[in-house]
Amino acid sequence: MTKLEQMNAILADLLKLDTSAFNEQTELLGALPEFDSMAVVGLITAMEETFGIAVNDDDLDAELFETVGSVLSYVDTAGARA
């Protein structure tokens, strides 16, 4: 399973949406009403568990959650730090 597929599975579970058509350009924050503050918290937890990363509080900003691609880019960066 690719990271995109893993991320889409996480988002499908959190948002209760069909994310099969989501790609790296799919907008999240501000574009999907379901992607609220509680979904962000759930996504952070799921990212840490699924990808074995630690999300630093200093890294949390709106740009991180702008698109699926920005989240995946963060996962790659955080994974490289681990």
N, C-alpha and C. Protein backbone atom coordinates (compact mmCIF):
# COMPACT_ATOMS: atom_id res chain seq x y z
N MET A 1 0.85 -1.18 0.00
CA MET A 1 0.00 0.00 0.00
C MET A 1 0.89 1.24 0.00
N THR A 2 0.63 2.17 -0.90
CA THR A 2 1.42 3.40 -0.97
C THR A 2 1.04 4.33 0.17
N LYS A 3 1.87 5.34 0.40
CA LYS A 3 1.55 6.32 1.45
C LYS A 3 0.26 7.06 1.12
N LEU A 4 0.04 7.34 -0.18
CA LEU A 4 -1.21 8.01 -0.57
C LEU A 4 -2.41 7.12 -0.23
N GLU A 5 -2.31 5.85 -0.53
CA GLU A 5 -3.40 4.93 -0.21
C GLU A 5 -3.62 4.83 1.30
N GLN A 6 -2.52 4.80 2.06
CA GLN A 6 -2.63 4.77 3.52
C GLN A 6 -3.30 6.04 4.03
N MET A 7 -2.88 7.20 3.48
CA MET A 7 -3.45 8.48 3.90
C MET A 7 -4.93 8.53 3.55
N ASN A 8 -5.29 8.07 2.37
CA ASN A 8 -6.70 8.08 1.98
C ASN A 8 -7.53 7.17 2.88
N ALA A 9 -6.97 6.05 3.30
CA ALA A 9 -7.67 5.16 4.22
C ALA A 9 -7.88 5.84 5.57
N ILE A 10 -6.86 6.54 6.04
CA ILE A 10 -6.98 7.28 7.31
C ILE A 10 -8.07 8.34 7.18
N LEU A 11 -8.02 9.11 6.09
CA LEU A 11 -8.99 10.19 5.89
C LEU A 11 -10.41 9.64 5.72
N ALA A 12 -10.55 8.51 5.03
CA ALA A 12 -11.87 7.90 4.86
C ALA A 12 -12.45 7.52 6.22
N ASP A 13 -11.62 6.96 7.07
CA ASP A 13 -12.06 6.57 8.41
C ASP A 13 -12.43 7.79 9.26
N LEU A 14 -11.59 8.80 9.23
CA LEU A 14 -11.82 10.01 10.04
C LEU A 14 -13.01 10.82 9.56
N LEU A 15 -13.10 11.00 8.25
CA LEU A 15 -14.09 11.91 7.69
C LEU A 15 -15.40 11.23 7.29
N LYS A 16 -15.37 9.89 7.28
CA LYS A 16 -16.54 9.12 6.85
C LYS A 16 -16.95 9.52 5.43
N LEU A 17 -15.93 9.63 4.56
CA LEU A 17 -16.13 9.99 3.15
C LEU A 17 -15.46 8.96 2.26
N ASP A 18 -15.89 8.91 1.00
CA ASP A 18 -15.21 8.10 -0.01
C ASP A 18 -14.01 8.92 -0.49
N THR A 19 -12.83 8.46 -0.15
CA THR A 19 -11.61 9.20 -0.51
C THR A 19 -10.86 8.54 -1.65
N SER A 20 -11.50 7.60 -2.34
CA SER A 20 -10.81 6.86 -3.40
C SER A 20 -10.32 7.77 -4.53
N ALA A 21 -10.95 8.90 -4.73
CA ALA A 21 -10.54 9.83 -5.79
C ALA A 21 -9.57 10.90 -5.28
N PHE A 22 -9.26 10.89 -3.99
CA PHE A 22 -8.33 11.89 -3.45
C PHE A 22 -6.94 11.68 -4.04
N ASN A 23 -6.28 12.77 -4.38
CA ASN A 23 -4.89 12.71 -4.83
C ASN A 23 -4.12 13.79 -4.07
N GLU A 24 -2.87 14.00 -4.43
CA GLU A 24 -2.04 14.94 -3.68
C GLU A 24 -2.54 16.38 -3.78
N GLN A 25 -3.31 16.71 -4.79
CA GLN A 25 -3.83 18.07 -4.95
C GLN A 25 -5.17 18.29 -4.25
N THR A 26 -5.74 17.24 -3.70
CA THR A 26 -7.04 17.35 -3.03
C THR A 26 -6.92 18.28 -1.82
N GLU A 27 -7.74 19.32 -1.81
CA GLU A 27 -7.72 20.29 -0.72
C GLU A 27 -8.45 19.73 0.49
N LEU A 28 -7.92 20.03 1.65
CA LEU A 28 -8.51 19.55 2.90
C LEU A 28 -9.04 20.71 3.73
N LEU A 29 -8.16 21.38 4.44
CA LEU A 29 -8.55 22.44 5.37
C LEU A 29 -9.24 23.58 4.63
N GLY A 30 -10.47 23.86 5.01
CA GLY A 30 -11.24 24.92 4.39
C GLY A 30 -12.04 24.46 3.18
N ALA A 31 -11.72 23.29 2.65
CA ALA A 31 -12.43 22.79 1.47
C ALA A 31 -13.44 21.71 1.82
N LEU A 32 -13.19 20.98 2.88
CA LEU A 32 -14.08 19.90 3.30
C LEU A 32 -14.67 20.24 4.67
N PRO A 33 -15.99 20.41 4.75
CA PRO A 33 -16.59 20.74 6.05
C PRO A 33 -16.28 19.70 7.12
N GLU A 34 -16.11 18.44 6.70
CA GLU A 34 -15.83 17.37 7.66
C GLU A 34 -14.43 17.49 8.26
N PHE A 35 -13.53 18.22 7.58
CA PHE A 35 -12.15 18.35 8.05
C PHE A 35 -12.07 19.52 9.02
N ASP A 36 -12.52 19.25 10.24
CA ASP A 36 -12.56 20.27 11.29
C ASP A 36 -11.44 20.04 12.30
N SER A 37 -11.46 20.78 13.39
CA SER A 37 -10.38 20.67 14.37
C SER A 37 -10.28 19.27 14.97
N MET A 38 -11.41 18.61 15.17
CA MET A 38 -11.37 17.25 15.71
C MET A 38 -10.75 16.28 14.70
N ALA A 39 -11.03 16.50 13.42
CA ALA A 39 -10.44 15.66 12.38
C ALA A 39 -8.93 15.87 12.32
N VAL A 40 -8.49 17.11 12.52
CA VAL A 40 -7.06 17.40 12.53
C VAL A 40 -6.37 16.64 13.66
N VAL A 41 -6.97 16.67 14.83
CA VAL A 41 -6.40 15.94 15.98
C VAL A 41 -6.35 14.44 15.68
N GLY A 42 -7.41 13.92 15.13
CA GLY A 42 -7.45 12.51 14.77
C GLY A 42 -6.41 12.15 13.71
N LEU A 43 -6.24 13.05 12.74
CA LEU A 43 -5.25 12.81 11.68
C LEU A 43 -3.84 12.80 12.25
N ILE A 44 -3.55 13.72 13.15
CA ILE A 44 -2.21 13.76 13.76
C ILE A 44 -1.93 12.44 14.49
N THR A 45 -2.89 11.99 15.27
CA THR A 45 -2.73 10.72 16.01
C THR A 45 -2.53 9.56 15.04
N ALA A 46 -3.35 9.51 14.00
CA ALA A 46 -3.26 8.42 13.02
C ALA A 46 -1.94 8.47 12.26
N MET A 47 -1.46 9.66 11.94
CA MET A 47 -0.17 9.80 11.25
C MET A 47 0.95 9.25 12.12
N GLU A 48 0.93 9.60 13.40
CA GLU A 48 1.97 9.13 14.31
C GLU A 48 1.95 7.62 14.43
N GLU A 49 0.77 7.04 14.54
CA GLU A 49 0.65 5.59 14.69
C GLU A 49 0.96 4.85 13.39
N THR A 50 0.43 5.33 12.28
CA THR A 50 0.57 4.62 11.00
C THR A 50 1.96 4.74 10.42
N PHE A 51 2.53 5.94 10.49
CA PHE A 51 3.81 6.20 9.84
C PHE A 51 5.00 6.21 10.80
N GLY A 52 4.73 6.04 12.09
CA GLY A 52 5.80 5.98 13.08
C GLY A 52 6.59 7.28 13.20
N ILE A 53 5.86 8.40 13.13
CA ILE A 53 6.51 9.70 13.23
C ILE A 53 6.03 10.40 14.49
N ALA A 54 6.73 11.46 14.85
CA ALA A 54 6.30 12.34 15.94
C ALA A 54 5.99 13.69 15.32
N VAL A 55 4.79 14.17 15.52
CA VAL A 55 4.39 15.47 15.00
C VAL A 55 4.71 16.51 16.07
N ASN A 56 5.59 17.44 15.72
CA ASN A 56 5.99 18.49 16.65
C ASN A 56 4.97 19.61 16.68
N ASP A 57 4.66 20.11 17.87
CA ASP A 57 3.71 21.21 18.00
C ASP A 57 4.14 22.41 17.16
N ASP A 58 5.44 22.65 17.07
CA ASP A 58 5.96 23.79 16.31
C ASP A 58 5.67 23.68 14.81
N ASP A 59 5.41 22.47 14.34
CA ASP A 59 5.15 22.24 12.92
C ASP A 59 3.69 22.44 12.54
N LEU A 60 2.83 22.56 13.52
CA LEU A 60 1.40 22.63 13.26
C LEU A 60 0.98 24.02 12.81
N ASP A 61 0.55 24.09 11.55
CA ASP A 61 -0.02 25.32 11.02
C ASP A 61 -0.98 24.94 9.90
N ALA A 62 -1.74 25.91 9.43
CA ALA A 62 -2.77 25.64 8.42
C ALA A 62 -2.17 25.08 7.13
N GLU A 63 -0.98 25.53 6.76
CA GLU A 63 -0.36 25.06 5.51
C GLU A 63 -0.12 23.56 5.52
N LEU A 64 0.19 23.01 6.68
CA LEU A 64 0.43 21.57 6.79
C LEU A 64 -0.78 20.77 6.34
N PHE A 65 -1.98 21.27 6.66
CA PHE A 65 -3.22 20.54 6.38
C PHE A 65 -3.97 21.08 5.17
N GLU A 66 -3.27 21.83 4.32
CA GLU A 66 -3.90 22.44 3.16
C GLU A 66 -4.37 21.41 2.13
N THR A 67 -3.51 20.44 1.81
CA THR A 67 -3.84 19.41 0.82
C THR A 67 -3.35 18.05 1.31
N VAL A 68 -3.81 17.01 0.64
CA VAL A 68 -3.31 15.67 0.93
C VAL A 68 -1.80 15.64 0.70
N GLY A 69 -1.34 16.28 -0.36
CA GLY A 69 0.09 16.31 -0.68
C GLY A 69 0.92 17.01 0.38
N SER A 70 0.40 18.09 0.96
CA SER A 70 1.17 18.79 2.00
C SER A 70 1.29 17.92 3.25
N VAL A 71 0.25 17.14 3.55
CA VAL A 71 0.32 16.23 4.69
C VAL A 71 1.34 15.12 4.40
N LEU A 72 1.30 14.56 3.20
CA LEU A 72 2.25 13.50 2.83
C LEU A 72 3.69 14.02 2.83
N SER A 73 3.87 15.24 2.38
CA SER A 73 5.21 15.84 2.40
C SER A 73 5.72 15.96 3.83
N TYR A 74 4.84 16.33 4.74
CA TYR A 74 5.22 16.42 6.14
C TYR A 74 5.60 15.05 6.69
N VAL A 75 4.83 14.03 6.33
CA VAL A 75 5.12 12.66 6.77
C VAL A 75 6.52 12.27 6.31
N ASP A 76 6.86 12.58 5.07
CA ASP A 76 8.19 12.26 4.55
C ASP A 76 9.29 13.00 5.31
N THR A 77 9.06 14.28 5.57
CA THR A 77 10.04 15.09 6.30
C THR A 77 10.21 14.60 7.73
N ALA A 78 9.10 14.34 8.39
CA ALA A 78 9.15 13.87 9.78
C ALA A 78 9.77 12.48 9.86
N GLY A 79 9.49 11.66 8.86
CA GLY A 79 10.08 10.32 8.82
C GLY A 79 11.58 10.37 8.66
N ALA A 80 12.07 11.34 7.90
CA ALA A 80 13.51 11.49 7.69
C ALA A 80 14.21 11.93 8.96
N ARG A 81 13.48 12.67 9.83
CA ARG A 81 14.04 13.15 11.09
C ARG A 81 14.11 12.04 12.12
N ALA A 82 13.24 11.06 11.97
CA ALA A 82 13.15 10.00 13.01
C ALA A 82 14.35 9.11 13.01
